Amino acid sequence: MPITIKHLGCTDYLSTLENMKYFIGQSPINDELWITEHQPIFTTGVNKKNCKIPDNNIPHLFVDRGGKITYHGPGQLIIYTLINIKKQNLKIRQLVSILEDSIIEFLKKYKISSYSKIDAPGVFIDEKKICSIGLRIKKNYAYHGLSFNVDMDTKPFTMIDPCGFTDLKMAQLSDYNIKSTVEKSGKEIASIINKKLNLHYEQNNKY
Protein backbone atom coordinates (compact mmCIF):
# COMPACT_ATOMS: atom_id res chain seq x y z
CA MET A 1 0.00 0.00 0.00
CA PRO A 2 1.45 3.41 -0.95
CA ILE A 3 2.51 5.56 2.00
CA THR A 4 3.38 9.24 1.67
CA ILE A 5 6.07 10.64 3.99
CA LYS A 6 5.78 14.35 4.77
CA HIS A 7 8.34 16.56 6.55
CA LEU A 8 6.42 19.32 8.33
CA GLY A 9 9.21 21.03 10.29
CA CYS A 10 8.31 22.45 13.70
CA THR A 11 4.52 22.67 14.11
CA ASP A 12 1.92 23.79 16.63
CA TYR A 13 0.57 20.76 18.48
CA LEU A 14 -3.13 21.66 18.47
CA SER A 15 -3.14 22.74 14.81
CA THR A 16 -1.43 19.49 13.82
CA LEU A 17 -3.96 17.44 15.80
CA GLU A 18 -6.80 19.23 14.03
CA ASN A 19 -5.09 18.61 10.68
CA MET A 20 -4.80 14.89 11.48
CA LYS A 21 -8.51 14.65 12.27
CA TYR A 22 -9.35 16.52 9.07
CA PHE A 23 -7.08 14.24 7.04
CA ILE A 24 -8.63 10.98 8.20
CA GLY A 25 -12.10 12.50 7.85
CA GLN A 26 -11.51 12.84 4.11
CA SER A 27 -10.98 9.04 3.69
CA PRO A 28 -7.72 9.62 1.78
CA ILE A 29 -6.48 7.15 -0.83
CA ASN A 30 -2.93 6.94 0.54
CA ASP A 31 -1.74 6.59 4.11
CA GLU A 32 0.78 9.13 5.40
CA LEU A 33 3.61 9.50 7.92
CA TRP A 34 4.11 13.05 9.20
CA ILE A 35 7.53 14.00 10.57
CA THR A 36 7.53 16.98 12.91
CA GLU A 37 8.51 18.41 16.31
CA HIS A 38 6.59 20.71 18.65
CA GLN A 39 7.12 23.68 20.88
CA PRO A 40 7.04 22.76 24.61
CA ILE A 41 3.73 21.19 25.64
CA PHE A 42 2.40 18.54 28.02
CA THR A 43 -0.36 16.28 26.69
CA THR A 44 -2.51 13.80 28.56
CA GLY A 45 -4.29 10.95 26.78
CA VAL A 46 -7.62 9.32 27.58
CA ASN A 47 -6.23 7.44 30.59
CA LYS A 48 -6.35 10.42 32.94
CA LYS A 49 -6.65 8.54 36.25
CA ASN A 50 -4.06 9.62 38.84
CA CYS A 51 -2.20 11.80 36.31
CA LYS A 52 -0.02 14.48 37.85
CA ILE A 53 -0.58 17.71 35.90
CA PRO A 54 2.33 20.14 36.38
CA ASP A 55 1.61 23.69 37.49
CA ASN A 56 4.01 25.81 35.45
CA ASN A 57 4.14 27.96 32.33
CA ILE A 58 4.34 25.05 29.88
CA PRO A 59 0.97 24.56 28.12
CA HIS A 60 -1.03 21.40 28.79
CA LEU A 61 -3.73 19.72 26.70
CA PHE A 62 -6.06 16.77 27.22
CA VAL A 63 -6.09 14.84 23.93
CA ASP A 64 -7.76 11.77 22.44
CA ARG A 65 -4.79 9.39 22.11
CA GLY A 66 -4.22 6.37 24.29
CA GLY A 67 -1.92 6.57 27.30
CA LYS A 68 -1.32 9.10 30.05
CA ILE A 69 0.78 12.25 30.31
CA THR A 70 3.93 13.03 28.33
CA TYR A 71 5.99 15.98 27.21
CA HIS A 72 6.86 17.25 23.73
CA GLY A 73 9.48 19.86 22.92
CA PRO A 74 12.09 20.96 20.38
CA GLY A 75 14.65 18.25 19.68
CA GLN A 76 12.08 15.49 20.03
CA LEU A 77 11.04 13.69 16.86
CA ILE A 78 7.33 13.12 16.33
CA ILE A 79 6.12 10.71 13.66
CA TYR A 80 2.37 10.76 13.21
CA THR A 81 1.02 7.57 11.64
CA LEU A 82 -2.10 8.20 9.62
CA ILE A 83 -2.72 4.59 8.69
CA ASN A 84 -5.88 2.82 7.51
CA ILE A 85 -5.43 -0.35 9.54
CA LYS A 86 -8.26 -2.14 7.71
CA LYS A 87 -6.70 -1.59 4.28
CA GLN A 88 -3.26 -2.43 5.64
CA ASN A 89 -4.70 -5.60 7.25
CA LEU A 90 -3.25 -4.53 10.60
CA LYS A 91 -4.32 -5.09 14.16
CA ILE A 92 -3.49 -2.25 16.55
CA ARG A 93 -0.96 -4.36 18.48
CA GLN A 94 0.75 -5.22 15.17
CA LEU A 95 1.08 -1.52 14.34
CA VAL A 96 2.53 -0.77 17.78
CA SER A 97 5.03 -3.61 17.31
CA ILE A 98 6.04 -2.28 13.89
CA LEU A 99 6.71 1.16 15.39
CA GLU A 100 8.68 -0.32 18.30
CA ASP A 101 10.68 -2.65 16.04
CA SER A 102 11.49 0.26 13.72
CA ILE A 103 13.00 2.27 16.58
CA ILE A 104 14.93 -0.78 17.80
CA GLU A 105 16.30 -1.37 14.29
CA PHE A 106 17.25 2.30 13.97
CA LEU A 107 19.13 2.27 17.28
CA LYS A 108 20.87 -0.98 16.37
CA LYS A 109 22.48 0.84 13.42
CA TYR A 110 24.21 3.02 16.00
CA LYS A 111 25.18 -0.02 18.11
CA ILE A 112 22.65 0.89 20.82
CA SER A 113 20.81 -2.06 22.36
CA SER A 114 17.15 -1.36 23.09
CA TYR A 115 13.95 -3.28 23.75
CA SER A 116 10.18 -3.03 24.07
CA LYS A 117 7.85 -4.10 26.89
CA ILE A 118 4.53 -5.82 26.31
CA ASP A 119 2.83 -3.84 29.12
CA ALA A 120 4.33 -0.43 28.32
CA PRO A 121 4.25 0.64 24.64
CA GLY A 122 7.49 2.27 23.56
CA VAL A 123 11.22 1.55 23.47
CA PHE A 124 13.66 1.40 26.38
CA ILE A 125 17.43 1.48 26.91
CA ASP A 126 18.60 0.19 30.30
CA GLU A 127 15.16 0.86 31.82
CA LYS A 128 15.16 4.43 30.48
CA LYS A 129 12.51 5.33 27.90
CA ILE A 130 13.64 6.85 24.60
CA CYS A 131 10.45 6.40 22.57
CA SER A 132 6.79 6.70 23.57
CA ILE A 133 3.79 5.53 21.54
CA GLY A 134 0.18 6.68 21.81
CA LEU A 135 -2.47 5.97 19.18
CA ARG A 136 -6.14 6.54 18.52
CA ILE A 137 -8.35 4.47 16.18
CA LYS A 138 -11.28 6.13 14.43
CA LYS A 139 -13.15 4.86 11.36
CA ASN A 140 -10.41 2.24 10.77
CA TYR A 141 -7.70 4.91 10.90
CA ALA A 142 -4.86 5.00 13.39
CA TYR A 143 -3.55 8.47 14.14
CA HIS A 144 -1.26 10.18 16.64
CA GLY A 145 1.93 8.07 16.69
CA LEU A 146 5.35 8.03 18.32
CA SER A 147 7.74 10.47 19.96
CA PHE A 148 11.48 9.79 19.94
CA ASN A 149 13.94 11.82 21.99
CA VAL A 150 16.82 13.01 19.78
CA ASP A 151 18.50 16.00 21.45
CA MET A 152 16.16 17.93 23.73
CA ASP A 153 15.71 19.42 27.18
CA THR A 154 14.42 16.44 29.19
CA LYS A 155 13.92 18.38 32.46
CA PRO A 156 10.14 18.79 31.95
CA PHE A 157 9.79 15.00 32.13
CA THR A 158 10.89 15.25 35.79
CA MET A 159 7.81 17.36 36.50
CA ILE A 160 5.45 14.49 35.58
CA ASP A 161 5.13 10.71 35.80
CA PRO A 162 5.93 10.00 32.14
CA CYS A 163 3.32 7.68 30.61
CA GLY A 164 1.99 7.17 34.15
CA PHE A 165 5.17 5.59 35.57
CA THR A 166 6.62 7.08 38.75
CA ASP A 167 10.35 7.81 38.61
CA LEU A 168 10.66 6.68 34.98
CA LYS A 169 13.85 8.13 33.53
CA MET A 170 14.00 9.34 29.94
CA ALA A 171 16.85 8.74 27.50
CA GLN A 172 17.70 10.52 24.26
CA LEU A 173 19.93 9.82 21.30
CA SER A 174 22.45 12.49 22.26
CA ASP A 175 23.11 10.67 25.56
CA TYR A 176 24.99 8.05 23.53
CA ASN A 177 27.27 10.50 21.70
CA ILE A 178 25.20 10.28 18.53
CA LYS A 179 24.94 13.58 16.70
CA SER A 180 21.70 13.80 14.77
CA THR A 181 18.73 16.06 14.15
CA VAL A 182 14.98 15.57 14.21
CA GLU A 183 14.92 15.81 10.41
CA LYS A 184 17.71 13.27 9.88
CA SER A 185 16.45 10.77 12.45
CA GLY A 186 12.90 11.24 11.19
CA LYS A 187 13.88 10.45 7.63
CA GLU A 188 15.71 7.27 8.67
CA ILE A 189 13.01 6.01 11.06
CA ALA A 190 10.12 6.80 8.71
CA SER A 191 11.88 4.85 5.96
CA ILE A 192 12.16 1.81 8.26
CA ILE A 193 8.49 2.10 9.29
CA ASN A 194 7.48 2.37 5.63
CA LYS A 195 9.43 -0.78 4.71
CA LYS A 196 7.99 -2.76 7.60
CA LEU A 197 4.43 -1.69 6.78
CA ASN A 198 4.90 -2.66 3.14
CA LEU A 199 6.39 -6.01 4.13
CA HIS A 200 3.47 -6.71 6.47
CA TYR A 201 0.99 -5.85 3.70
CA GLU A 202 2.75 -8.08 1.16
CA GLN A 203 2.91 -11.02 3.58
CA ASN A 204 -0.76 -10.73 4.51
CA ASN A 205 -2.21 -10.11 1.03
CA LYS A 206 -0.64 -12.87 -1.07
CA TYR A 207 -3.93 -14.24 -2.33
C-alpha atoms as a PDB file:
ATOM      1  CA  MET A   1       0.000   0.000   0.000  1.00  0.00           C
ATOM      2  CA  PRO A   2       1.451   3.407  -0.950  1.00  0.00           C
ATOM      3  CA  ILE A   3       2.508   5.558   2.004  1.00  0.00           C
ATOM      4  CA  THR A   4       3.384   9.238   1.672  1.00  0.00           C
ATOM      5  CA  ILE A   5       6.065  10.640   3.986  1.00  0.00           C
ATOM      6  CA  LYS A   6       5.777  14.353   4.772  1.00  0.00           C
ATOM      7  CA  HIS A   7       8.340  16.560   6.551  1.00  0.00           C
ATOM      8  CA  LEU A   8       6.423  19.319   8.334  1.00  0.00           C
ATOM      9  CA  GLY A   9       9.206  21.030  10.287  1.00  0.00           C
ATOM     10  CA  CYS A  10       8.306  22.450  13.698  1.00  0.00           C
ATOM     11  CA  THR A  11       4.519  22.672  14.109  1.00  0.00           C
ATOM     12  CA  ASP A  12       1.921  23.794  16.626  1.00  0.00           C
ATOM     13  CA  TYR A  13       0.571  20.763  18.478  1.00  0.00           C
ATOM     14  CA  LEU A  14      -3.126  21.657  18.473  1.00  0.00           C
ATOM     15  CA  SER A  15      -3.143  22.737  14.809  1.00  0.00           C
ATOM     16  CA  THR A  16      -1.430  19.489  13.824  1.00  0.00           C
ATOM     17  CA  LEU A  17      -3.960  17.443  15.799  1.00  0.00           C
ATOM     18  CA  GLU A  18      -6.800  19.230  14.031  1.00  0.00           C
ATOM     19  CA  ASN A  19      -5.092  18.608  10.676  1.00  0.00           C
ATOM     20  CA  MET A  20      -4.805  14.892  11.483  1.00  0.00           C
ATOM     21  CA  LYS A  21      -8.505  14.651  12.265  1.00  0.00           C
ATOM     22  CA  TYR A  22      -9.353  16.519   9.073  1.00  0.00           C
ATOM     23  CA  PHE A  23      -7.078  14.243   7.044  1.00  0.00           C
ATOM     24  CA  ILE A  24      -8.633  10.979   8.195  1.00  0.00           C
ATOM     25  CA  GLY A  25     -12.103  12.502   7.851  1.00  0.00           C
ATOM     26  CA  GLN A  26     -11.511  12.842   4.105  1.00  0.00           C
ATOM     27  CA  SER A  27     -10.978   9.042   3.695  1.00  0.00           C
ATOM     28  CA  PRO A  28      -7.721   9.620   1.782  1.00  0.00           C
ATOM     29  CA  ILE A  29      -6.479   7.153  -0.831  1.00  0.00           C
ATOM     30  CA  ASN A  30      -2.929   6.940   0.542  1.00  0.00           C
ATOM     31  CA  ASP A  31      -1.744   6.594   4.114  1.00  0.00           C
ATOM     32  CA  GLU A  32       0.784   9.130   5.404  1.00  0.00           C
ATOM     33  CA  LEU A  33       3.606   9.505   7.923  1.00  0.00           C
ATOM     34  CA  TRP A  34       4.112  13.048   9.202  1.00  0.00           C
ATOM     35  CA  ILE A  35       7.535  14.002  10.568  1.00  0.00           C
ATOM     36  CA  THR A  36       7.529  16.985  12.914  1.00  0.00           C
ATOM     37  CA  GLU A  37       8.513  18.411  16.311  1.00  0.00           C
ATOM     38  CA  HIS A  38       6.591  20.711  18.646  1.00  0.00           C
ATOM     39  CA  GLN A  39       7.115  23.683  20.875  1.00  0.00           C
ATOM     40  CA  PRO A  40       7.043  22.764  24.610  1.00  0.00           C
ATOM     41  CA  ILE A  41       3.734  21.192  25.644  1.00  0.00           C
ATOM     42  CA  PHE A  42       2.405  18.538  28.021  1.00  0.00           C
ATOM     43  CA  THR A  43      -0.356  16.283  26.686  1.00  0.00           C
ATOM     44  CA  THR A  44      -2.511  13.801  28.561  1.00  0.00           C
ATOM     45  CA  GLY A  45      -4.291  10.950  26.783  1.00  0.00           C
ATOM     46  CA  VAL A  46      -7.624   9.318  27.581  1.00  0.00           C
ATOM     47  CA  ASN A  47      -6.225   7.442  30.589  1.00  0.00           C
ATOM     48  CA  LYS A  48      -6.352  10.422  32.941  1.00  0.00           C
ATOM     49  CA  LYS A  49      -6.654   8.545  36.254  1.00  0.00           C
ATOM     50  CA  ASN A  50      -4.061   9.622  38.843  1.00  0.00           C
ATOM     51  CA  CYS A  51      -2.205  11.796  36.306  1.00  0.00           C
ATOM     52  CA  LYS A  52      -0.016  14.478  37.848  1.00  0.00           C
ATOM     53  CA  ILE A  53      -0.576  17.706  35.900  1.00  0.00           C
ATOM     54  CA  PRO A  54       2.331  20.143  36.382  1.00  0.00           C
ATOM     55  CA  ASP A  55       1.614  23.687  37.491  1.00  0.00           C
ATOM     56  CA  ASN A  56       4.006  25.811  35.445  1.00  0.00           C
ATOM     57  CA  ASN A  57       4.136  27.958  32.327  1.00  0.00           C
ATOM     58  CA  ILE A  58       4.342  25.050  29.875  1.00  0.00           C
ATOM     59  CA  PRO A  59       0.970  24.561  28.121  1.00  0.00           C
ATOM     60  CA  HIS A  60      -1.032  21.397  28.793  1.00  0.00           C
ATOM     61  CA  LEU A  61      -3.731  19.719  26.701  1.00  0.00           C
ATOM     62  CA  PHE A  62      -6.064  16.768  27.221  1.00  0.00           C
ATOM     63  CA  VAL A  63      -6.093  14.836  23.931  1.00  0.00           C
ATOM     64  CA  ASP A  64      -7.755  11.772  22.436  1.00  0.00           C
ATOM     65  CA  ARG A  65      -4.792   9.387  22.106  1.00  0.00           C
ATOM     66  CA  GLY A  66      -4.215   6.374  24.291  1.00  0.00           C
ATOM     67  CA  GLY A  67      -1.921   6.567  27.303  1.00  0.00           C
ATOM     68  CA  LYS A  68      -1.324   9.099  30.050  1.00  0.00           C
ATOM     69  CA  ILE A  69       0.776  12.251  30.309  1.00  0.00           C
ATOM     70  CA  THR A  70       3.927  13.026  28.332  1.00  0.00           C
ATOM     71  CA  TYR A  71       5.988  15.983  27.207  1.00  0.00           C
ATOM     72  CA  HIS A  72       6.858  17.248  23.735  1.00  0.00           C
ATOM     73  CA  GLY A  73       9.479  19.861  22.920  1.00  0.00           C
ATOM     74  CA  PRO A  74      12.090  20.960  20.382  1.00  0.00           C
ATOM     75  CA  GLY A  75      14.653  18.252  19.682  1.00  0.00           C
ATOM     76  CA  GLN A  76      12.077  15.489  20.029  1.00  0.00           C
ATOM     77  CA  LEU A  77      11.044  13.685  16.856  1.00  0.00           C
ATOM     78  CA  ILE A  78       7.329  13.119  16.335  1.00  0.00           C
ATOM     79  CA  ILE A  79       6.119  10.710  13.658  1.00  0.00           C
ATOM     80  CA  TYR A  80       2.365  10.756  13.214  1.00  0.00           C
ATOM     81  CA  THR A  81       1.023   7.568  11.641  1.00  0.00           C
ATOM     82  CA  LEU A  82      -2.101   8.201   9.616  1.00  0.00           C
ATOM     83  CA  ILE A  83      -2.721   4.587   8.694  1.00  0.00           C
ATOM     84  CA  ASN A  84      -5.877   2.817   7.507  1.00  0.00           C
ATOM     85  CA  ILE A  85      -5.432  -0.354   9.543  1.00  0.00           C
ATOM     86  CA  LYS A  86      -8.265  -2.144   7.712  1.00  0.00           C
ATOM     87  CA  LYS A  87      -6.703  -1.595   4.276  1.00  0.00           C
ATOM     88  CA  GLN A  88      -3.260  -2.434   5.645  1.00  0.00           C
ATOM     89  CA  ASN A  89      -4.698  -5.599   7.250  1.00  0.00           C
ATOM     90  CA  LEU A  90      -3.246  -4.531  10.600  1.00  0.00           C
ATOM     91  CA  LYS A  91      -4.320  -5.086  14.159  1.00  0.00           C
ATOM     92  CA  ILE A  92      -3.493  -2.253  16.549  1.00  0.00           C
ATOM     93  CA  ARG A  93      -0.960  -4.359  18.476  1.00  0.00           C
ATOM     94  CA  GLN A  94       0.751  -5.216  15.171  1.00  0.00           C
ATOM     95  CA  LEU A  95       1.076  -1.519  14.340  1.00  0.00           C
ATOM     96  CA  VAL A  96       2.530  -0.766  17.780  1.00  0.00           C
ATOM     97  CA  SER A  97       5.032  -3.614  17.310  1.00  0.00           C
ATOM     98  CA  ILE A  98       6.041  -2.284  13.888  1.00  0.00           C
ATOM     99  CA  LEU A  99       6.713   1.156  15.395  1.00  0.00           C
ATOM    100  CA  GLU A 100       8.681  -0.321  18.297  1.00  0.00           C
ATOM    101  CA  ASP A 101      10.679  -2.648  16.041  1.00  0.00           C
ATOM    102  CA  SER A 102      11.486   0.257  13.715  1.00  0.00           C
ATOM    103  CA  ILE A 103      12.995   2.265  16.577  1.00  0.00           C
ATOM    104  CA  ILE A 104      14.928  -0.782  17.803  1.00  0.00           C
ATOM    105  CA  GLU A 105      16.304  -1.367  14.291  1.00  0.00           C
ATOM    106  CA  PHE A 106      17.255   2.300  13.965  1.00  0.00           C
ATOM    107  CA  LEU A 107      19.129   2.266  17.285  1.00  0.00           C
ATOM    108  CA  LYS A 108      20.871  -0.980  16.367  1.00  0.00           C
ATOM    109  CA  LYS A 109      22.475   0.838  13.420  1.00  0.00           C
ATOM    110  CA  TYR A 110      24.209   3.022  16.004  1.00  0.00           C
ATOM    111  CA  LYS A 111      25.176  -0.024  18.115  1.00  0.00           C
ATOM    112  CA  ILE A 112      22.652   0.887  20.816  1.00  0.00           C
ATOM    113  CA  SER A 113      20.813  -2.064  22.355  1.00  0.00           C
ATOM    114  CA  SER A 114      17.146  -1.359  23.086  1.00  0.00           C
ATOM    115  CA  TYR A 115      13.950  -3.283  23.748  1.00  0.00           C
ATOM    116  CA  SER A 116      10.177  -3.033  24.072  1.00  0.00           C
ATOM    117  CA  LYS A 117       7.852  -4.101  26.886  1.00  0.00           C
ATOM    118  CA  ILE A 118       4.527  -5.823  26.311  1.00  0.00           C
ATOM    119  CA  ASP A 119       2.835  -3.839  29.122  1.00  0.00           C
ATOM    120  CA  ALA A 120       4.333  -0.431  28.322  1.00  0.00           C
ATOM    121  CA  PRO A 121       4.254   0.641  24.643  1.00  0.00           C
ATOM    122  CA  GLY A 122       7.492   2.267  23.558  1.00  0.00           C
ATOM    123  CA  VAL A 123      11.224   1.546  23.469  1.00  0.00           C
ATOM    124  CA  PHE A 124      13.656   1.402  26.381  1.00  0.00           C
ATOM    125  CA  ILE A 125      17.430   1.475  26.912  1.00  0.00           C
ATOM    126  CA  ASP A 126      18.603   0.187  30.297  1.00  0.00           C
ATOM    127  CA  GLU A 127      15.156   0.864  31.824  1.00  0.00           C
ATOM    128  CA  LYS A 128      15.164   4.427  30.475  1.00  0.00           C
ATOM    129  CA  LYS A 129      12.509   5.326  27.896  1.00  0.00           C
ATOM    130  CA  ILE A 130      13.645   6.847  24.602  1.00  0.00           C
ATOM    131  CA  CYS A 131      10.449   6.398  22.572  1.00  0.00           C
ATOM    132  CA  SER A 132       6.789   6.703  23.570  1.00  0.00           C
ATOM    133  CA  ILE A 133       3.788   5.533  21.542  1.00  0.00           C
ATOM    134  CA  GLY A 134       0.179   6.676  21.813  1.00  0.00           C
ATOM    135  CA  LEU A 135      -2.472   5.970  19.184  1.00  0.00           C
ATOM    136  CA  ARG A 136      -6.144   6.542  18.522  1.00  0.00           C
ATOM    137  CA  ILE A 137      -8.346   4.474  16.179  1.00  0.00           C
ATOM    138  CA  LYS A 138     -11.280   6.127  14.425  1.00  0.00           C
ATOM    139  CA  LYS A 139     -13.151   4.863  11.356  1.00  0.00           C
ATOM    140  CA  ASN A 140     -10.411   2.244  10.767  1.00  0.00           C
ATOM    141  CA  TYR A 141      -7.703   4.912  10.899  1.00  0.00           C
ATOM    142  CA  ALA A 142      -4.857   5.000  13.394  1.00  0.00           C
ATOM    143  CA  TYR A 143      -3.555   8.467  14.143  1.00  0.00           C
ATOM    144  CA  HIS A 144      -1.264  10.177  16.643  1.00  0.00           C
ATOM    145  CA  GLY A 145       1.925   8.073  16.687  1.00  0.00           C
ATOM    146  CA  LEU A 146       5.350   8.034  18.316  1.00  0.00           C
ATOM    147  CA  SER A 147       7.739  10.468  19.962  1.00  0.00           C
ATOM    148  CA  PHE A 148      11.484   9.787  19.937  1.00  0.00           C
ATOM    149  CA  ASN A 149      13.940  11.823  21.989  1.00  0.00           C
ATOM    150  CA  VAL A 150      16.818  13.013  19.782  1.00  0.00           C
ATOM    151  CA  ASP A 151      18.496  15.998  21.449  1.00  0.00           C
ATOM    152  CA  MET A 152      16.160  17.926  23.733  1.00  0.00           C
ATOM    153  CA  ASP A 153      15.712  19.423  27.182  1.00  0.00           C
ATOM    154  CA  THR A 154      14.417  16.436  29.193  1.00  0.00           C
ATOM    155  CA  LYS A 155      13.923  18.381  32.459  1.00  0.00           C
ATOM    156  CA  PRO A 156      10.136  18.785  31.950  1.00  0.00           C
ATOM    157  CA  PHE A 157       9.793  14.999  32.132  1.00  0.00           C
ATOM    158  CA  THR A 158      10.890  15.248  35.788  1.00  0.00           C
ATOM    159  CA  MET A 159       7.807  17.363  36.500  1.00  0.00           C
ATOM    160  CA  ILE A 160       5.451  14.492  35.579  1.00  0.00           C
ATOM    161  CA  ASP A 161       5.131  10.713  35.796  1.00  0.00           C
ATOM    162  CA  PRO A 162       5.928  10.002  32.137  1.00  0.00           C
ATOM    163  CA  CYS A 163       3.325   7.679  30.609  1.00  0.00           C
ATOM    164  CA  GLY A 164       1.989   7.165  34.148  1.00  0.00           C
ATOM    165  CA  PHE A 165       5.168   5.592  35.571  1.00  0.00           C
ATOM    166  CA  THR A 166       6.615   7.084  38.753  1.00  0.00           C
ATOM    167  CA  ASP A 167      10.351   7.810  38.609  1.00  0.00           C
ATOM    168  CA  LEU A 168      10.659   6.681  34.985  1.00  0.00           C
ATOM    169  CA  LYS A 169      13.850   8.130  33.528  1.00  0.00           C
ATOM    170  CA  MET A 170      14.004   9.336  29.938  1.00  0.00           C
ATOM    171  CA  ALA A 171      16.848   8.742  27.495  1.00  0.00           C
ATOM    172  CA  GLN A 172      17.701  10.520  24.260  1.00  0.00           C
ATOM    173  CA  LEU A 173      19.927   9.815  21.304  1.00  0.00           C
ATOM    174  CA  SER A 174      22.451  12.494  22.261  1.00  0.00           C
ATOM    175  CA  ASP A 175      23.114  10.673  25.564  1.00  0.00           C
ATOM    176  CA  TYR A 176      24.995   8.052  23.532  1.00  0.00           C
ATOM    177  CA  ASN A 177      27.274  10.498  21.700  1.00  0.00           C
ATOM    178  CA  ILE A 178      25.204  10.278  18.525  1.00  0.00           C
ATOM    179  CA  LYS A 179      24.937  13.583  16.699  1.00  0.00           C
ATOM    180  CA  SER A 180      21.696  13.799  14.767  1.00  0.00           C
ATOM    181  CA  THR A 181      18.728  16.058  14.150  1.00  0.00           C
ATOM    182  CA  VAL A 182      14.975  15.566  14.207  1.00  0.00           C
ATOM    183  CA  GLU A 183      14.922  15.808  10.414  1.00  0.00           C
ATOM    184  CA  LYS A 184      17.713  13.273   9.875  1.00  0.00           C
ATOM    185  CA  SER A 185      16.447  10.766  12.450  1.00  0.00           C
ATOM    186  CA  GLY A 186      12.896  11.241  11.194  1.00  0.00           C
ATOM    187  CA  LYS A 187      13.880  10.450   7.629  1.00  0.00           C
ATOM    188  CA  GLU A 188      15.706   7.269   8.666  1.00  0.00           C
ATOM    189  CA  ILE A 189      13.006   6.010  11.058  1.00  0.00           C
ATOM    190  CA  ALA A 190      10.118   6.805   8.708  1.00  0.00           C
ATOM    191  CA  SER A 191      11.882   4.853   5.963  1.00  0.00           C
ATOM    192  CA  ILE A 192      12.161   1.815   8.256  1.00  0.00           C
ATOM    193  CA  ILE A 193       8.487   2.099   9.285  1.00  0.00           C
ATOM    194  CA  ASN A 194       7.479   2.366   5.630  1.00  0.00           C
ATOM    195  CA  LYS A 195       9.430  -0.778   4.706  1.00  0.00           C
ATOM    196  CA  LYS A 196       7.989  -2.758   7.602  1.00  0.00           C
ATOM    197  CA  LEU A 197       4.430  -1.694   6.781  1.00  0.00           C
ATOM    198  CA  ASN A 198       4.903  -2.656   3.136  1.00  0.00           C
ATOM    199  CA  LEU A 199       6.389  -6.013   4.126  1.00  0.00           C
ATOM    200  CA  HIS A 200       3.468  -6.711   6.467  1.00  0.00           C
ATOM    201  CA  TYR A 201       0.991  -5.852   3.704  1.00  0.00           C
ATOM    202  CA  GLU A 202       2.745  -8.079   1.160  1.00  0.00           C
ATOM    203  CA  GLN A 203       2.913 -11.023   3.578  1.00  0.00           C
ATOM    204  CA  ASN A 204      -0.759 -10.727   4.512  1.00  0.00           C
ATOM    205  CA  ASN A 205      -2.210 -10.110   1.032  1.00  0.00           C
ATOM    206  CA  LYS A 206      -0.640 -12.874  -1.072  1.00  0.00           C
ATOM    207  CA  TYR A 207      -3.934 -14.242  -2.326  1.00  0.00           C
END
